[in-house]
Amino acid sequence: MLAAGGVMCIGGPALIYYVTPSEEELFLRYNPELQRRSLQNRQQKQEDFDNFVGRLKNYSKSDKPIWIEEQVQAAKQKEASVRAELDRRRTAEAEAEARRQEIKNSLR
């Protein structure tokens, strides 16, 4: 029983390590179109990951749990984007009104 347990405890992970392909081997098995797309998106994915890790580091500086701090930051970001959209709409409305006034004045 001791030998069988040793084979399972040592042999199982060794077999998994042996049969699992590396990232390079998986990449080489992709068809050329997927390889090209993967290479194009690699830099963007790396930047996204770096931004995510940076945000997590900032969230961890707070006394609150990370998930609560993330929700607070998401709410602030949503509020800021809504405010920006409202400002953009107000500006567009003001420009449209100015054009209307200009057209009215030019017709007189």
N, C-alpha and C. Protein backbone atom coordinates (compact mmCIF):
# COMPACT_ATOMS: atom_id res chain seq x y z
N MET A 1 0.83 -1.19 0.00
CA MET A 1 0.00 0.00 0.00
C MET A 1 0.87 1.26 0.00
N LEU A 2 1.99 1.17 0.70
CA LEU A 2 2.88 2.32 0.76
C LEU A 2 3.47 2.62 -0.62
N ALA A 3 3.83 1.57 -1.36
CA ALA A 3 4.38 1.75 -2.70
C ALA A 3 3.32 2.32 -3.64
N ALA A 4 2.09 1.81 -3.56
CA ALA A 4 1.01 2.31 -4.42
C ALA A 4 0.72 3.78 -4.09
N GLY A 5 0.71 4.14 -2.83
CA GLY A 5 0.49 5.53 -2.44
C GLY A 5 1.60 6.44 -2.94
N GLY A 6 2.83 5.95 -2.85
CA GLY A 6 3.97 6.72 -3.35
C GLY A 6 3.91 6.93 -4.84
N VAL A 7 3.51 5.89 -5.57
CA VAL A 7 3.38 6.01 -7.04
C VAL A 7 2.31 7.04 -7.37
N MET A 8 1.19 7.00 -6.66
CA MET A 8 0.11 7.95 -6.94
C MET A 8 0.49 9.38 -6.54
N CYS A 9 1.11 9.53 -5.39
CA CYS A 9 1.44 10.88 -4.90
C CYS A 9 2.56 11.52 -5.70
N ILE A 10 3.51 10.72 -6.17
CA ILE A 10 4.63 11.27 -6.91
C ILE A 10 4.41 11.13 -8.41
N GLY A 11 3.89 9.98 -8.82
CA GLY A 11 3.70 9.72 -10.24
C GLY A 11 2.59 10.55 -10.87
N GLY A 12 1.52 10.81 -10.13
CA GLY A 12 0.41 11.60 -10.68
C GLY A 12 0.83 13.00 -11.08
N PRO A 13 1.40 13.77 -10.17
CA PRO A 13 1.86 15.11 -10.56
C PRO A 13 2.96 15.07 -11.62
N ALA A 14 3.83 14.07 -11.57
CA ALA A 14 4.88 13.96 -12.58
C ALA A 14 4.27 13.71 -13.96
N LEU A 15 3.23 12.88 -14.02
CA LEU A 15 2.55 12.61 -15.29
C LEU A 15 1.88 13.87 -15.81
N ILE A 16 1.22 14.60 -14.95
CA ILE A 16 0.57 15.85 -15.36
C ILE A 16 1.62 16.83 -15.88
N TYR A 17 2.73 16.96 -15.19
CA TYR A 17 3.79 17.85 -15.62
C TYR A 17 4.34 17.42 -16.98
N TYR A 18 4.43 16.12 -17.22
CA TYR A 18 4.98 15.60 -18.46
C TYR A 18 4.04 15.82 -19.64
N VAL A 19 2.74 15.63 -19.44
CA VAL A 19 1.80 15.71 -20.57
C VAL A 19 1.24 17.11 -20.81
N THR A 20 1.40 18.04 -19.88
CA THR A 20 0.88 19.39 -20.07
C THR A 20 1.82 20.17 -20.97
N PRO A 21 1.30 20.72 -22.10
CA PRO A 21 2.17 21.47 -23.01
C PRO A 21 2.50 22.85 -22.43
N SER A 22 3.65 23.38 -22.84
CA SER A 22 4.05 24.72 -22.39
C SER A 22 3.27 25.75 -23.19
N GLU A 23 3.38 27.02 -22.80
CA GLU A 23 2.67 28.08 -23.51
C GLU A 23 3.17 28.20 -24.95
N GLU A 24 4.47 28.01 -25.15
CA GLU A 24 5.03 28.08 -26.50
C GLU A 24 4.46 26.97 -27.38
N GLU A 25 4.38 25.76 -26.84
CA GLU A 25 3.84 24.64 -27.62
C GLU A 25 2.38 24.88 -27.98
N LEU A 26 1.61 25.41 -27.04
CA LEU A 26 0.22 25.73 -27.34
C LEU A 26 0.13 26.81 -28.42
N PHE A 27 0.96 27.84 -28.31
CA PHE A 27 0.94 28.92 -29.29
C PHE A 27 1.28 28.40 -30.68
N LEU A 28 2.25 27.48 -30.76
CA LEU A 28 2.64 26.94 -32.07
C LEU A 28 1.56 26.05 -32.66
N ARG A 29 0.65 25.53 -31.83
CA ARG A 29 -0.45 24.71 -32.33
C ARG A 29 -1.60 25.55 -32.88
N TYR A 30 -1.61 26.84 -32.58
CA TYR A 30 -2.65 27.72 -33.12
C TYR A 30 -2.54 27.76 -34.64
N ASN A 31 -3.66 28.04 -35.30
CA ASN A 31 -3.54 28.26 -36.74
C ASN A 31 -2.94 29.65 -36.94
N PRO A 32 -2.40 29.93 -38.12
CA PRO A 32 -1.69 31.21 -38.34
C PRO A 32 -2.54 32.45 -38.05
N GLU A 33 -3.83 32.39 -38.34
CA GLU A 33 -4.70 33.54 -38.09
C GLU A 33 -4.78 33.84 -36.58
N LEU A 34 -4.95 32.79 -35.77
CA LEU A 34 -5.01 32.98 -34.32
C LEU A 34 -3.67 33.46 -33.77
N GLN A 35 -2.57 32.95 -34.32
CA GLN A 35 -1.25 33.41 -33.88
C GLN A 35 -1.09 34.90 -34.16
N ARG A 36 -1.51 35.34 -35.34
CA ARG A 36 -1.38 36.75 -35.71
C ARG A 36 -2.22 37.62 -34.79
N ARG A 37 -3.48 37.21 -34.55
CA ARG A 37 -4.36 37.98 -33.67
C ARG A 37 -3.83 38.01 -32.23
N SER A 38 -3.28 36.87 -31.79
CA SER A 38 -2.73 36.80 -30.44
C SER A 38 -1.55 37.75 -30.29
N LEU A 39 -0.70 37.80 -31.29
CA LEU A 39 0.45 38.70 -31.24
C LEU A 39 0.01 40.17 -31.28
N GLN A 40 -1.04 40.48 -32.05
CA GLN A 40 -1.52 41.85 -32.13
C GLN A 40 -2.13 42.30 -30.80
N ASN A 41 -2.83 41.41 -30.13
CA ASN A 41 -3.53 41.77 -28.90
C ASN A 41 -2.66 41.64 -27.65
N ARG A 42 -1.48 41.08 -27.79
CA ARG A 42 -0.63 40.81 -26.63
C ARG A 42 -0.28 42.09 -25.86
N GLN A 43 0.13 43.14 -26.57
CA GLN A 43 0.53 44.38 -25.91
C GLN A 43 -0.65 45.01 -25.19
N GLN A 44 -1.83 45.03 -25.82
CA GLN A 44 -3.00 45.62 -25.19
C GLN A 44 -3.41 44.83 -23.94
N LYS A 45 -3.37 43.51 -24.03
CA LYS A 45 -3.72 42.69 -22.88
C LYS A 45 -2.74 42.91 -21.73
N GLN A 46 -1.45 43.06 -22.05
CA GLN A 46 -0.45 43.30 -21.02
C GLN A 46 -0.69 44.65 -20.34
N GLU A 47 -1.03 45.68 -21.14
CA GLU A 47 -1.31 46.99 -20.56
C GLU A 47 -2.56 46.93 -19.68
N ASP A 48 -3.59 46.23 -20.13
CA ASP A 48 -4.81 46.09 -19.34
C ASP A 48 -4.51 45.40 -18.01
N PHE A 49 -3.70 44.35 -18.06
CA PHE A 49 -3.34 43.64 -16.84
C PHE A 49 -2.54 44.52 -15.90
N ASP A 50 -1.59 45.28 -16.44
CA ASP A 50 -0.79 46.18 -15.62
C ASP A 50 -1.67 47.25 -14.96
N ASN A 51 -2.64 47.78 -15.72
CA ASN A 51 -3.57 48.76 -15.15
C ASN A 51 -4.40 48.13 -14.04
N PHE A 52 -4.84 46.90 -14.26
CA PHE A 52 -5.65 46.20 -13.26
C PHE A 52 -4.85 46.00 -11.97
N VAL A 53 -3.61 45.57 -12.11
CA VAL A 53 -2.76 45.34 -10.92
C VAL A 53 -2.49 46.67 -10.22
N GLY A 54 -2.28 47.72 -10.98
CA GLY A 54 -2.06 49.04 -10.38
C GLY A 54 -3.28 49.51 -9.59
N ARG A 55 -4.47 49.29 -10.17
CA ARG A 55 -5.69 49.66 -9.45
C ARG A 55 -5.83 48.84 -8.17
N LEU A 56 -5.52 47.54 -8.25
CA LEU A 56 -5.60 46.71 -7.05
C LEU A 56 -4.64 47.20 -5.97
N LYS A 57 -3.46 47.61 -6.37
CA LYS A 57 -2.49 48.14 -5.39
C LYS A 57 -3.03 49.40 -4.75
N ASN A 58 -3.66 50.27 -5.55
CA ASN A 58 -4.24 51.49 -4.98
C ASN A 58 -5.40 51.16 -4.04
N TYR A 59 -6.22 50.19 -4.42
CA TYR A 59 -7.34 49.80 -3.58
C TYR A 59 -6.84 49.19 -2.26
N SER A 60 -5.74 48.49 -2.30
CA SER A 60 -5.24 47.83 -1.09
C SER A 60 -4.66 48.82 -0.09
N LYS A 61 -4.37 50.04 -0.52
CA LYS A 61 -3.86 51.05 0.40
C LYS A 61 -4.94 51.53 1.36
N SER A 62 -6.20 51.33 0.98
CA SER A 62 -7.31 51.76 1.81
C SER A 62 -7.52 50.78 2.97
N ASP A 63 -8.21 51.25 4.00
CA ASP A 63 -8.54 50.37 5.13
C ASP A 63 -9.71 49.45 4.80
N LYS A 64 -10.45 49.79 3.76
CA LYS A 64 -11.62 49.00 3.37
C LYS A 64 -11.17 47.77 2.58
N PRO A 65 -12.02 46.73 2.52
CA PRO A 65 -11.71 45.59 1.66
C PRO A 65 -11.63 46.03 0.19
N ILE A 66 -10.86 45.31 -0.59
CA ILE A 66 -10.62 45.68 -1.99
C ILE A 66 -11.92 45.75 -2.78
N TRP A 67 -12.82 44.78 -2.58
CA TRP A 67 -14.05 44.75 -3.38
C TRP A 67 -14.96 45.93 -3.06
N ILE A 68 -14.94 46.39 -1.81
CA ILE A 68 -15.75 47.57 -1.47
C ILE A 68 -15.11 48.82 -2.05
N GLU A 69 -13.81 48.92 -1.94
CA GLU A 69 -13.10 50.08 -2.51
C GLU A 69 -13.29 50.14 -4.02
N GLU A 70 -13.30 48.97 -4.66
CA GLU A 70 -13.52 48.92 -6.12
C GLU A 70 -14.90 49.42 -6.46
N GLN A 71 -15.91 49.05 -5.67
CA GLN A 71 -17.27 49.52 -5.91
C GLN A 71 -17.37 51.03 -5.73
N VAL A 72 -16.69 51.55 -4.72
CA VAL A 72 -16.70 53.00 -4.50
C VAL A 72 -16.05 53.72 -5.68
N GLN A 73 -14.90 53.21 -6.13
CA GLN A 73 -14.22 53.83 -7.26
C GLN A 73 -15.05 53.72 -8.54
N ALA A 74 -15.72 52.58 -8.74
CA ALA A 74 -16.57 52.40 -9.92
C ALA A 74 -17.72 53.40 -9.88
N ALA A 75 -18.30 53.62 -8.71
CA ALA A 75 -19.39 54.58 -8.59
C ALA A 75 -18.89 56.00 -8.90
N LYS A 76 -17.69 56.34 -8.39
CA LYS A 76 -17.13 57.66 -8.67
C LYS A 76 -16.86 57.83 -10.16
N GLN A 77 -16.32 56.77 -10.79
CA GLN A 77 -16.02 56.84 -12.21
C GLN A 77 -17.30 56.96 -13.03
N LYS A 78 -18.33 56.25 -12.64
CA LYS A 78 -19.61 56.31 -13.35
C LYS A 78 -20.20 57.71 -13.22
N GLU A 79 -20.13 58.27 -12.01
CA GLU A 79 -20.64 59.62 -11.79
C GLU A 79 -19.88 60.64 -12.64
N ALA A 80 -18.57 60.48 -12.71
CA ALA A 80 -17.76 61.39 -13.52
C ALA A 80 -18.10 61.26 -15.00
N SER A 81 -18.32 60.04 -15.46
CA SER A 81 -18.66 59.86 -16.88
C SER A 81 -20.04 60.41 -17.19
N VAL A 82 -20.98 60.26 -16.25
CA VAL A 82 -22.32 60.84 -16.45
C VAL A 82 -22.22 62.36 -16.49
N ARG A 83 -21.43 62.93 -15.58
CA ARG A 83 -21.25 64.38 -15.56
C ARG A 83 -20.62 64.86 -16.87
N ALA A 84 -19.63 64.13 -17.37
CA ALA A 84 -18.98 64.51 -18.62
C ALA A 84 -19.96 64.43 -19.78
N GLU A 85 -20.80 63.40 -19.80
CA GLU A 85 -21.79 63.25 -20.86
C GLU A 85 -22.81 64.39 -20.80
N LEU A 86 -23.23 64.76 -19.60
CA LEU A 86 -24.17 65.88 -19.46
C LEU A 86 -23.53 67.18 -19.94
N ASP A 87 -22.28 67.40 -19.59
CA ASP A 87 -21.57 68.59 -20.06
C ASP A 87 -21.47 68.60 -21.58
N ARG A 88 -21.18 67.44 -22.14
CA ARG A 88 -21.08 67.35 -23.60
C ARG A 88 -22.42 67.67 -24.25
N ARG A 89 -23.50 67.14 -23.69
CA ARG A 89 -24.84 67.41 -24.24
C ARG A 89 -25.21 68.88 -24.10
N ARG A 90 -24.88 69.48 -22.95
CA ARG A 90 -25.17 70.90 -22.76
C ARG A 90 -24.41 71.74 -23.77
N THR A 91 -23.15 71.39 -23.99
CA THR A 91 -22.34 72.12 -24.97
C THR A 91 -22.92 71.96 -26.36
N ALA A 92 -23.32 70.76 -26.72
CA ALA A 92 -23.91 70.52 -28.04
C ALA A 92 -25.22 71.28 -28.18
N GLU A 93 -26.02 71.31 -27.14
CA GLU A 93 -27.29 72.04 -27.18
C GLU A 93 -27.04 73.54 -27.32
N ALA A 94 -26.04 74.05 -26.61
CA ALA A 94 -25.71 75.47 -26.72
C ALA A 94 -25.22 75.80 -28.13
N GLU A 95 -24.42 74.93 -28.71
CA GLU A 95 -23.95 75.15 -30.08
C GLU A 95 -25.11 75.11 -31.06
N ALA A 96 -26.03 74.18 -30.86
CA ALA A 96 -27.20 74.09 -31.74
C ALA A 96 -28.06 75.34 -31.61
N GLU A 97 -28.24 75.80 -30.39
CA GLU A 97 -29.02 77.02 -30.18
C GLU A 97 -28.34 78.22 -30.82
N ALA A 98 -27.02 78.29 -30.72
CA ALA A 98 -26.28 79.38 -31.36
C ALA A 98 -26.45 79.32 -32.87
N ARG A 99 -26.42 78.13 -33.45
CA ARG A 99 -26.63 77.99 -34.90
C ARG A 99 -28.04 78.41 -35.28
N ARG A 100 -29.03 78.03 -34.45
CA ARG A 100 -30.42 78.44 -34.73
C ARG A 100 -30.55 79.96 -34.72
N GLN A 101 -29.94 80.59 -33.72
CA GLN A 101 -30.00 82.05 -33.64
C GLN A 101 -29.29 82.69 -34.83
N GLU A 102 -28.18 82.10 -35.24
CA GLU A 102 -27.45 82.62 -36.39
C GLU A 102 -28.30 82.51 -37.65
N ILE A 103 -28.99 81.39 -37.80
CA ILE A 103 -29.86 81.20 -38.98
C ILE A 103 -31.02 82.19 -38.93
N LYS A 104 -31.62 82.38 -37.75
CA LYS A 104 -32.73 83.35 -37.63
C LYS A 104 -32.25 84.77 -37.97
N ASN A 105 -31.07 85.12 -37.49
CA ASN A 105 -30.54 86.46 -37.75
C ASN A 105 -30.17 86.65 -39.21
N SER A 106 -29.73 85.59 -39.86
CA SER A 106 -29.35 85.71 -41.27
C SER A 106 -30.57 85.80 -42.17
N LEU A 107 -31.71 85.29 -41.74
CA LEU A 107 -32.93 85.37 -42.55
C LEU A 107 -33.61 86.72 -42.46
N ARG A 108 -33.34 87.50 -41.48
CA ARG A 108 -33.97 88.82 -41.31
C ARG A 108 -33.43 89.84 -42.21
